[in-house]
Amino acid sequence: MHQHERHTFIVDLARRTPRVEVGDLAESLDVTPETIRRDLTALERHGLVRRVHGGAIAIERFGFEPTLESRTELHREEKRRIAEMAIGLVPEHGVVLLDAGTTTGVIAELLPHGRELTVVTDSLTIAGALARRTDLELHLLGGRVRHRTLAAVGPWAVHAIADVHVDVAFIGTNGVSVDRGLTTPDEAEAATKRAMIEASACPVLVCDHSKIGTNHFHRFGELSSIDTIVTDSGLDPETAAALGAHGPEVLLA
């Protein structure tokens, strides 16, 4: 198993359990405890776990939110597959909204050329990637920029979204569960995502399987408010069926 795969495995396990232990990880991954300690040090440096004696705890359990840079390193292959499947939902012409996030960032990279598209985004990163595209019209939402997500959020963004109609919105999330719906740690980000869903004729949630089953402080939507969830095949069939029973179509990339 490569280092990137080990890091993904460790973070996923840390998010699902109270803590991960060096010895258990070394045995499960068939590497030395020293290798696991180096992995945990690297993951802590990227803001994904917090080291504790003998192991580590997922950073979300301390109430923190990982940075955009650290999230980019995880589940890269799954995010690419999700984005490729999501591209099939992009219309030939119309208005597409791209929420800030790592998966939506890959969708931006894959947006087809030659279509009559207007793209709306609250992401400085996505706007920068699309700014030189002459075959589409780009609108960047204003607002307070969150340094962790590089998203423009708050009343300015919410008011701007309320005045537009979006054909398809690709929304990211920090967590999604049957009990709590769609959640994120930040109140202003939650309000902005909620406005995006309300403005869209077809809201699509894009997230890798590690986000499913987790809950964060602020809820910004029910499962029934989403038309489609595009995630990866790491999601078990039972959970996919439970999500789908609340309204959205669940697609596994």
C-alpha atoms as a PDB file:
ATOM      1  CA  MET A   1       0.000   0.000   0.000  1.00  0.00           C
ATOM      2  CA  HIS A   2       1.377   3.390  -1.011  1.00  0.00           C
ATOM      3  CA  GLN A   3       1.725   6.263   1.457  1.00  0.00           C
ATOM      4  CA  HIS A   4      -1.250   8.115  -0.016  1.00  0.00           C
ATOM      5  CA  GLU A   5      -3.429   5.021   0.375  1.00  0.00           C
ATOM      6  CA  ARG A   6      -2.274   4.538   3.981  1.00  0.00           C
ATOM      7  CA  HIS A   7      -3.092   8.164   4.787  1.00  0.00           C
ATOM      8  CA  THR A   8      -6.581   7.805   3.332  1.00  0.00           C
ATOM      9  CA  PHE A   9      -7.157   4.578   5.281  1.00  0.00           C
ATOM     10  CA  ILE A  10      -5.969   6.134   8.554  1.00  0.00           C
ATOM     11  CA  VAL A  11      -8.097   9.280   8.237  1.00  0.00           C
ATOM     12  CA  ASP A  12     -11.198   7.282   7.260  1.00  0.00           C
ATOM     13  CA  LEU A  13     -10.749   4.981  10.255  1.00  0.00           C
ATOM     14  CA  ALA A  14     -10.089   7.902  12.611  1.00  0.00           C
ATOM     15  CA  ARG A  15     -13.339   9.549  11.517  1.00  0.00           C
ATOM     16  CA  ARG A  16     -15.325   6.369  12.159  1.00  0.00           C
ATOM     17  CA  THR A  17     -13.811   5.441  15.538  1.00  0.00           C
ATOM     18  CA  PRO A  18     -12.974   7.346  18.733  1.00  0.00           C
ATOM     19  CA  ARG A  19      -9.229   6.974  18.096  1.00  0.00           C
ATOM     20  CA  VAL A  20      -6.701   4.953  16.106  1.00  0.00           C
ATOM     21  CA  GLU A  21      -3.775   3.128  17.701  1.00  0.00           C
ATOM     22  CA  VAL A  22      -0.259   2.887  16.271  1.00  0.00           C
ATOM     23  CA  GLY A  23       0.038  -0.841  16.958  1.00  0.00           C
ATOM     24  CA  ASP A  24      -3.318  -1.722  15.443  1.00  0.00           C
ATOM     25  CA  LEU A  25      -2.628   0.357  12.340  1.00  0.00           C
ATOM     26  CA  ALA A  26       0.815  -1.198  11.873  1.00  0.00           C
ATOM     27  CA  GLU A  27      -0.698  -4.675  12.036  1.00  0.00           C
ATOM     28  CA  SER A  28      -3.630  -3.837   9.734  1.00  0.00           C
ATOM     29  CA  LEU A  29      -1.438  -2.158   7.125  1.00  0.00           C
ATOM     30  CA  ASP A  30       1.501  -4.578   7.468  1.00  0.00           C
ATOM     31  CA  VAL A  31       4.065  -1.840   8.123  1.00  0.00           C
ATOM     32  CA  THR A  32       6.284  -0.954  11.067  1.00  0.00           C
ATOM     33  CA  PRO A  33       5.071   1.203  13.970  1.00  0.00           C
ATOM     34  CA  GLU A  34       7.719   3.749  12.952  1.00  0.00           C
ATOM     35  CA  THR A  35       6.077   4.082   9.529  1.00  0.00           C
ATOM     36  CA  ILE A  36       2.688   4.673  11.166  1.00  0.00           C
ATOM     37  CA  ARG A  37       4.173   7.310  13.477  1.00  0.00           C
ATOM     38  CA  ARG A  38       5.601   9.138  10.456  1.00  0.00           C
ATOM     39  CA  ASP A  39       2.213   8.886   8.746  1.00  0.00           C
ATOM     40  CA  LEU A  40       0.450  10.342  11.782  1.00  0.00           C
ATOM     41  CA  THR A  41       2.978  13.156  11.991  1.00  0.00           C
ATOM     42  CA  ALA A  42       2.376  14.017   8.330  1.00  0.00           C
ATOM     43  CA  LEU A  43      -1.407  13.875   8.774  1.00  0.00           C
ATOM     44  CA  GLU A  44      -1.217  16.110  11.840  1.00  0.00           C
ATOM     45  CA  ARG A  45       0.916  18.595   9.899  1.00  0.00           C
ATOM     46  CA  HIS A  46      -1.824  18.710   7.246  1.00  0.00           C
ATOM     47  CA  GLY A  47      -4.494  19.313   9.891  1.00  0.00           C
ATOM     48  CA  LEU A  48      -6.295  15.992   9.482  1.00  0.00           C
ATOM     49  CA  VAL A  49      -5.603  14.273  12.824  1.00  0.00           C
ATOM     50  CA  ARG A  50      -4.355  15.216  16.267  1.00  0.00           C
ATOM     51  CA  ARG A  51      -1.613  13.039  17.766  1.00  0.00           C
ATOM     52  CA  VAL A  52      -2.322  11.549  21.183  1.00  0.00           C
ATOM     53  CA  HIS A  53      -0.293   9.073  23.232  1.00  0.00           C
ATOM     54  CA  GLY A  54      -0.104   5.822  21.264  1.00  0.00           C
ATOM     55  CA  GLY A  55      -2.248   6.976  18.366  1.00  0.00           C
ATOM     56  CA  ALA A  56      -4.360   9.796  16.954  1.00  0.00           C
ATOM     57  CA  ILE A  57      -7.868  11.289  16.843  1.00  0.00           C
ATOM     58  CA  ALA A  58      -9.624  12.770  13.804  1.00  0.00           C
ATOM     59  CA  ILE A  59      -9.395  16.560  13.874  1.00  0.00           C
ATOM     60  CA  GLU A  60     -13.189  16.902  13.446  1.00  0.00           C
ATOM     61  CA  ARG A  61     -13.679  15.407  16.899  1.00  0.00           C
ATOM     62  CA  PHE A  62     -12.049  18.524  18.354  1.00  0.00           C
ATOM     63  CA  GLY A  63     -14.484  20.774  16.501  1.00  0.00           C
ATOM     64  CA  PHE A  64     -11.972  21.845  13.847  1.00  0.00           C
ATOM     65  CA  GLU A  65     -12.420  21.857  10.072  1.00  0.00           C
ATOM     66  CA  PRO A  66      -9.603  20.581   7.804  1.00  0.00           C
ATOM     67  CA  THR A  67      -8.140  23.069   5.339  1.00  0.00           C
ATOM     68  CA  LEU A  68      -8.806  22.969   1.603  1.00  0.00           C
ATOM     69  CA  GLU A  69      -5.200  21.949   0.967  1.00  0.00           C
ATOM     70  CA  SER A  70      -5.355  18.984   3.338  1.00  0.00           C
ATOM     71  CA  ARG A  71      -8.679  17.757   1.927  1.00  0.00           C
ATOM     72  CA  THR A  72      -7.297  17.891  -1.597  1.00  0.00           C
ATOM     73  CA  GLU A  73      -4.824  15.140  -0.704  1.00  0.00           C
ATOM     74  CA  LEU A  74      -7.495  12.638   0.336  1.00  0.00           C
ATOM     75  CA  HIS A  75      -9.602  10.390  -1.928  1.00  0.00           C
ATOM     76  CA  ARG A  76      -8.197  11.933  -5.089  1.00  0.00           C
ATOM     77  CA  GLU A  77      -9.081   8.936  -7.262  1.00  0.00           C
ATOM     78  CA  GLU A  78     -12.624   8.764  -5.868  1.00  0.00           C
ATOM     79  CA  LYS A  79     -13.141  12.494  -6.386  1.00  0.00           C
ATOM     80  CA  ARG A  80     -12.028  12.174  -9.989  1.00  0.00           C
ATOM     81  CA  ARG A  81     -14.548   9.373 -10.593  1.00  0.00           C
ATOM     82  CA  ILE A  82     -17.299  11.347  -8.884  1.00  0.00           C
ATOM     83  CA  ALA A  83     -16.516  14.412 -11.005  1.00  0.00           C
ATOM     84  CA  GLU A  84     -16.492  12.388 -14.212  1.00  0.00           C
ATOM     85  CA  MET A  85     -19.934  11.000 -13.400  1.00  0.00           C
ATOM     86  CA  ALA A  86     -21.233  14.424 -12.347  1.00  0.00           C
ATOM     87  CA  ILE A  87     -20.170  15.902 -15.692  1.00  0.00           C
ATOM     88  CA  GLY A  88     -22.922  13.788 -17.246  1.00  0.00           C
ATOM     89  CA  LEU A  89     -25.430  16.025 -15.432  1.00  0.00           C
ATOM     90  CA  VAL A  90     -24.058  19.256 -16.946  1.00  0.00           C
ATOM     91  CA  PRO A  91     -26.548  20.652 -19.505  1.00  0.00           C
ATOM     92  CA  GLU A  92     -25.691  21.582 -23.081  1.00  0.00           C
ATOM     93  CA  HIS A  93     -26.567  25.171 -22.224  1.00  0.00           C
ATOM     94  CA  GLY A  94     -27.744  26.960 -19.111  1.00  0.00           C
ATOM     95  CA  VAL A  95     -26.504  28.027 -15.684  1.00  0.00           C
ATOM     96  CA  VAL A  96     -24.280  25.763 -13.590  1.00  0.00           C
ATOM     97  CA  LEU A  97     -23.354  26.552  -9.997  1.00  0.00           C
ATOM     98  CA  LEU A  98     -20.166  25.133  -8.474  1.00  0.00           C
ATOM     99  CA  ASP A  99     -19.941  25.270  -4.699  1.00  0.00           C
ATOM    100  CA  ALA A 100     -16.513  25.612  -3.112  1.00  0.00           C
ATOM    101  CA  GLY A 101     -14.822  22.275  -2.460  1.00  0.00           C
ATOM    102  CA  THR A 102     -12.265  19.775  -3.666  1.00  0.00           C
ATOM    103  CA  THR A 103     -14.692  17.576  -5.622  1.00  0.00           C
ATOM    104  CA  THR A 104     -16.390  20.554  -7.253  1.00  0.00           C
ATOM    105  CA  GLY A 105     -12.914  21.786  -8.095  1.00  0.00           C
ATOM    106  CA  VAL A 106     -12.333  18.641 -10.147  1.00  0.00           C
ATOM    107  CA  ILE A 107     -15.707  19.160 -11.851  1.00  0.00           C
ATOM    108  CA  ALA A 108     -14.503  22.644 -12.839  1.00  0.00           C
ATOM    109  CA  GLU A 109     -11.393  21.111 -14.411  1.00  0.00           C
ATOM    110  CA  LEU A 110     -13.548  18.702 -16.441  1.00  0.00           C
ATOM    111  CA  LEU A 111     -16.241  21.118 -17.617  1.00  0.00           C
ATOM    112  CA  PRO A 112     -16.777  20.451 -21.346  1.00  0.00           C
ATOM    113  CA  HIS A 113     -15.687  23.049 -23.875  1.00  0.00           C
ATOM    114  CA  GLY A 114     -17.965  24.452 -26.537  1.00  0.00           C
ATOM    115  CA  ARG A 115     -21.216  24.525 -24.559  1.00  0.00           C
ATOM    116  CA  GLU A 116     -23.223  27.678 -23.856  1.00  0.00           C
ATOM    117  CA  LEU A 117     -22.696  27.674 -20.099  1.00  0.00           C
ATOM    118  CA  THR A 118     -22.850  30.322 -17.431  1.00  0.00           C
ATOM    119  CA  VAL A 119     -20.921  29.256 -14.335  1.00  0.00           C
ATOM    120  CA  VAL A 120     -21.599  30.735 -10.892  1.00  0.00           C
ATOM    121  CA  THR A 121     -19.242  29.972  -8.003  1.00  0.00           C
ATOM    122  CA  ASP A 122     -18.356  31.162  -4.526  1.00  0.00           C
ATOM    123  CA  SER A 123     -14.897  29.581  -4.769  1.00  0.00           C
ATOM    124  CA  LEU A 124     -11.806  31.695  -5.386  1.00  0.00           C
ATOM    125  CA  THR A 125      -9.973  28.538  -6.455  1.00  0.00           C
ATOM    126  CA  ILE A 126     -12.589  27.518  -9.024  1.00  0.00           C
ATOM    127  CA  ALA A 127     -12.921  31.075 -10.324  1.00  0.00           C
ATOM    128  CA  GLY A 128      -9.168  31.223 -10.854  1.00  0.00           C
ATOM    129  CA  ALA A 129      -9.221  27.930 -12.745  1.00  0.00           C
ATOM    130  CA  LEU A 130     -12.037  29.077 -15.050  1.00  0.00           C
ATOM    131  CA  ALA A 131     -11.245  32.773 -15.440  1.00  0.00           C
ATOM    132  CA  ARG A 132      -9.398  32.346 -18.754  1.00  0.00           C
ATOM    133  CA  ARG A 133     -12.075  30.157 -20.346  1.00  0.00           C
ATOM    134  CA  THR A 134     -13.523  32.233 -23.196  1.00  0.00           C
ATOM    135  CA  ASP A 135     -16.220  29.682 -24.020  1.00  0.00           C
ATOM    136  CA  LEU A 136     -18.214  30.253 -20.840  1.00  0.00           C
ATOM    137  CA  GLU A 137     -19.488  33.161 -18.773  1.00  0.00           C
ATOM    138  CA  LEU A 138     -18.147  33.210 -15.224  1.00  0.00           C
ATOM    139  CA  HIS A 139     -19.767  34.898 -12.214  1.00  0.00           C
ATOM    140  CA  LEU A 140     -17.924  35.021  -8.877  1.00  0.00           C
ATOM    141  CA  LEU A 141     -20.059  35.574  -5.793  1.00  0.00           C
ATOM    142  CA  GLY A 142     -18.908  38.156  -3.275  1.00  0.00           C
ATOM    143  CA  GLY A 143     -18.781  37.920   0.497  1.00  0.00           C
ATOM    144  CA  ARG A 144     -16.481  37.160   3.399  1.00  0.00           C
ATOM    145  CA  VAL A 145     -13.761  34.763   2.269  1.00  0.00           C
ATOM    146  CA  ARG A 146     -13.159  31.829   4.602  1.00  0.00           C
ATOM    147  CA  HIS A 147      -9.478  30.982   4.689  1.00  0.00           C
ATOM    148  CA  ARG A 148     -10.140  27.275   5.303  1.00  0.00           C
ATOM    149  CA  THR A 149     -12.300  26.801   2.201  1.00  0.00           C
ATOM    150  CA  LEU A 150     -11.497  29.898   0.097  1.00  0.00           C
ATOM    151  CA  ALA A 151     -15.256  30.347  -0.270  1.00  0.00           C
ATOM    152  CA  ALA A 152     -17.118  33.658  -0.311  1.00  0.00           C
ATOM    153  CA  VAL A 153     -19.923  33.291   2.240  1.00  0.00           C
ATOM    154  CA  GLY A 154     -22.360  35.359   4.255  1.00  0.00           C
ATOM    155  CA  PRO A 155     -25.144  37.859   3.481  1.00  0.00           C
ATOM    156  CA  TRP A 156     -23.580  39.258   0.289  1.00  0.00           C
ATOM    157  CA  ALA A 157     -23.333  35.792  -1.239  1.00  0.00           C
ATOM    158  CA  VAL A 158     -26.790  34.746  -0.015  1.00  0.00           C
ATOM    159  CA  HIS A 159     -28.465  37.876  -1.416  1.00  0.00           C
ATOM    160  CA  ALA A 160     -26.744  37.472  -4.777  1.00  0.00           C
ATOM    161  CA  ILE A 161     -27.813  33.827  -5.093  1.00  0.00           C
ATOM    162  CA  ALA A 162     -31.409  34.709  -4.189  1.00  0.00           C
ATOM    163  CA  ASP A 163     -31.626  36.863  -7.334  1.00  0.00           C
ATOM    164  CA  VAL A 164     -30.577  34.204  -9.842  1.00  0.00           C
ATOM    165  CA  HIS A 165     -31.926  30.948 -11.283  1.00  0.00           C
ATOM    166  CA  VAL A 166     -29.555  27.978 -11.560  1.00  0.00           C
ATOM    167  CA  ASP A 167     -30.241  24.956 -13.740  1.00  0.00           C
ATOM    168  CA  VAL A 168     -27.837  22.578 -11.980  1.00  0.00           C
ATOM    169  CA  ALA A 169     -25.971  23.206  -8.731  1.00  0.00           C
ATOM    170  CA  PHE A 170     -23.123  20.967  -7.609  1.00  0.00           C
ATOM    171  CA  ILE A 171     -22.973  21.240  -3.827  1.00  0.00           C
ATOM    172  CA  GLY A 172     -20.251  19.980  -1.508  1.00  0.00           C
ATOM    173  CA  THR A 173     -20.675  19.004   2.128  1.00  0.00           C
ATOM    174  CA  ASN A 174     -18.652  18.146   5.216  1.00  0.00           C
ATOM    175  CA  GLY A 175     -21.186  15.569   6.333  1.00  0.00           C
ATOM    176  CA  VAL A 176     -24.386  13.840   5.268  1.00  0.00           C
ATOM    177  CA  SER A 177     -26.482  11.354   7.202  1.00  0.00           C
ATOM    178  CA  VAL A 178     -29.984   9.895   7.181  1.00  0.00           C
ATOM    179  CA  ASP A 179     -30.718  11.411  10.596  1.00  0.00           C
ATOM    180  CA  ARG A 180     -29.326  14.932  10.158  1.00  0.00           C
ATOM    181  CA  GLY A 181     -29.214  15.517   6.414  1.00  0.00           C
ATOM    182  CA  LEU A 182     -26.508  17.843   5.059  1.00  0.00           C
ATOM    183  CA  THR A 183     -24.179  19.502   7.553  1.00  0.00           C
ATOM    184  CA  THR A 184     -21.123  21.758   7.745  1.00  0.00           C
ATOM    185  CA  PRO A 185     -19.157  23.303  10.645  1.00  0.00           C
ATOM    186  CA  ASP A 186     -19.579  26.982   9.707  1.00  0.00           C
ATOM    187  CA  GLU A 187     -22.870  28.908  10.054  1.00  0.00           C
ATOM    188  CA  ALA A 188     -22.213  31.348   7.194  1.00  0.00           C
ATOM    189  CA  GLU A 189     -21.158  28.535   4.886  1.00  0.00           C
ATOM    190  CA  ALA A 190     -24.330  26.648   5.793  1.00  0.00           C
ATOM    191  CA  ALA A 191     -26.485  29.670   4.932  1.00  0.00           C
ATOM    192  CA  THR A 192     -24.716  30.063   1.586  1.00  0.00           C
ATOM    193  CA  LYS A 193     -25.128  26.393   0.682  1.00  0.00           C
ATOM    194  CA  ARG A 194     -28.802  26.550   1.672  1.00  0.00           C
ATOM    195  CA  ALA A 195     -29.327  29.501  -0.680  1.00  0.00           C
ATOM    196  CA  MET A 196     -27.592  27.583  -3.487  1.00  0.00           C
ATOM    197  CA  ILE A 197     -29.974  24.665  -3.091  1.00  0.00           C
ATOM    198  CA  GLU A 198     -33.026  26.938  -3.045  1.00  0.00           C
ATOM    199  CA  ALA A 199     -31.890  28.734  -6.224  1.00  0.00           C
ATOM    200  CA  SER A 200     -31.335  25.518  -8.182  1.00  0.00           C
ATOM    201  CA  ALA A 201     -33.787  23.550 -10.293  1.00  0.00           C
ATOM    202  CA  CYS A 202     -31.555  20.490  -9.866  1.00  0.00           C
ATOM    203  CA  PRO A 203     -29.342  20.423  -6.753  1.00  0.00           C
ATOM    204  CA  VAL A 204     -26.682  17.692  -6.892  1.00  0.00           C
ATOM    205  CA  LEU A 205     -24.643  16.709  -3.842  1.00  0.00           C
ATOM    206  CA  VAL A 206     -21.108  15.565  -4.685  1.00  0.00           C
ATOM    207  CA  CYS A 207     -19.023  13.971  -1.928  1.00  0.00           C
ATOM    208  CA  ASP A 208     -16.816  10.959  -1.371  1.00  0.00           C
ATOM    209  CA  HIS A 209     -18.012   8.150   0.882  1.00  0.00           C
ATOM    210  CA  SER A 210     -16.002   9.341   3.909  1.00  0.00           C
ATOM    211  CA  LYS A 211     -18.439  12.263   4.354  1.00  0.00           C
ATOM    212  CA  ILE A 212     -21.463   9.957   4.589  1.00  0.00           C
ATOM    213  CA  GLY A 213     -22.530   9.041   8.092  1.00  0.00           C
ATOM    214  CA  THR A 214     -20.831  12.059   9.688  1.00  0.00           C
ATOM    215  CA  ASN A 215     -22.566  15.087  11.231  1.00  0.00           C
ATOM    216  CA  HIS A 216     -21.403  18.661  11.806  1.00  0.00           C
ATOM    217  CA  PHE A 217     -22.786  21.586  13.764  1.00  0.00           C
ATOM    218  CA  HIS A 218     -24.913  23.406  11.168  1.00  0.00           C
ATOM    219  CA  ARG A 219     -27.520  21.754   8.980  1.00  0.00           C
ATOM    220  CA  PHE A 220     -28.104  23.344   5.577  1.00  0.00           C
ATOM    221  CA  GLY A 221     -30.502  20.905   3.960  1.00  0.00           C
ATOM    222  CA  GLU A 222     -32.564  17.774   4.224  1.00  0.00           C
ATOM    223  CA  LEU A 223     -31.906  14.784   1.991  1.00  0.00           C
ATOM    224  CA  SER A 224     -35.242  15.504   0.334  1.00  0.00           C
ATOM    225  CA  SER A 225     -33.926  18.907  -0.820  1.00  0.00           C
ATOM    226  CA  ILE A 226     -31.359  17.197  -3.086  1.00  0.00           C
ATOM    227  CA  ASP A 227     -32.208  15.623  -6.453  1.00  0.00           C
ATOM    228  CA  THR A 228     -29.081  13.488  -6.795  1.00  0.00           C
ATOM    229  CA  ILE A 229     -26.146  12.356  -4.668  1.00  0.00           C
ATOM    230  CA  VAL A 230     -23.011  11.425  -6.587  1.00  0.00           C
ATOM    231  CA  THR A 231     -20.530   9.540  -4.421  1.00  0.00           C
ATOM    232  CA  ASP A 232     -18.091   6.666  -4.908  1.00  0.00           C
ATOM    233  CA  SER A 233     -18.354   2.900  -4.750  1.00  0.00           C
ATOM    234  CA  GLY A 234     -16.787   2.866  -1.284  1.00  0.00           C
ATOM    235  CA  LEU A 235     -20.292   3.494   0.069  1.00  0.00           C
ATOM    236  CA  ASP A 236     -22.004   0.296   1.167  1.00  0.00           C
ATOM    237  CA  PRO A 237     -25.267  -0.645  -0.630  1.00  0.00           C
ATOM    238  CA  GLU A 238     -27.341  -0.540   2.560  1.00  0.00           C
ATOM    239  CA  THR A 239     -26.404   3.074   3.307  1.00  0.00           C
ATOM    240  CA  ALA A 240     -26.926   4.053  -0.329  1.00  0.00           C
ATOM    241  CA  ALA A 241     -30.425   2.563  -0.193  1.00  0.00           C
ATOM    242  CA  ALA A 242     -31.189   4.338   3.099  1.00  0.00           C
ATOM    243  CA  LEU A 243     -30.161   7.683   1.602  1.00  0.00           C
ATOM    244  CA  GLY A 244     -32.176   7.051  -1.541  1.00  0.00           C
ATOM    245  CA  ALA A 245     -35.262   6.205   0.492  1.00  0.00           C
ATOM    246  CA  HIS A 246     -35.367   9.861   1.598  1.00  0.00           C
ATOM    247  CA  GLY A 247     -35.677  11.204  -1.937  1.00  0.00           C
ATOM    248  CA  PRO A 248     -32.423  11.663  -3.844  1.00  0.00           C
ATOM    249  CA  GLU A 249     -31.141   9.359  -6.540  1.00  0.00           C
ATOM    250  CA  VAL A 250     -27.803   7.923  -5.360  1.00  0.00           C
ATOM    251  CA  LEU A 251     -25.143   7.358  -8.035  1.00  0.00           C
ATOM    252  CA  LEU A 252     -21.965   5.422  -7.230  1.00  0.00           C
ATOM    253  CA  ALA A 253     -18.921   6.287  -9.319  1.00  0.00           C
END
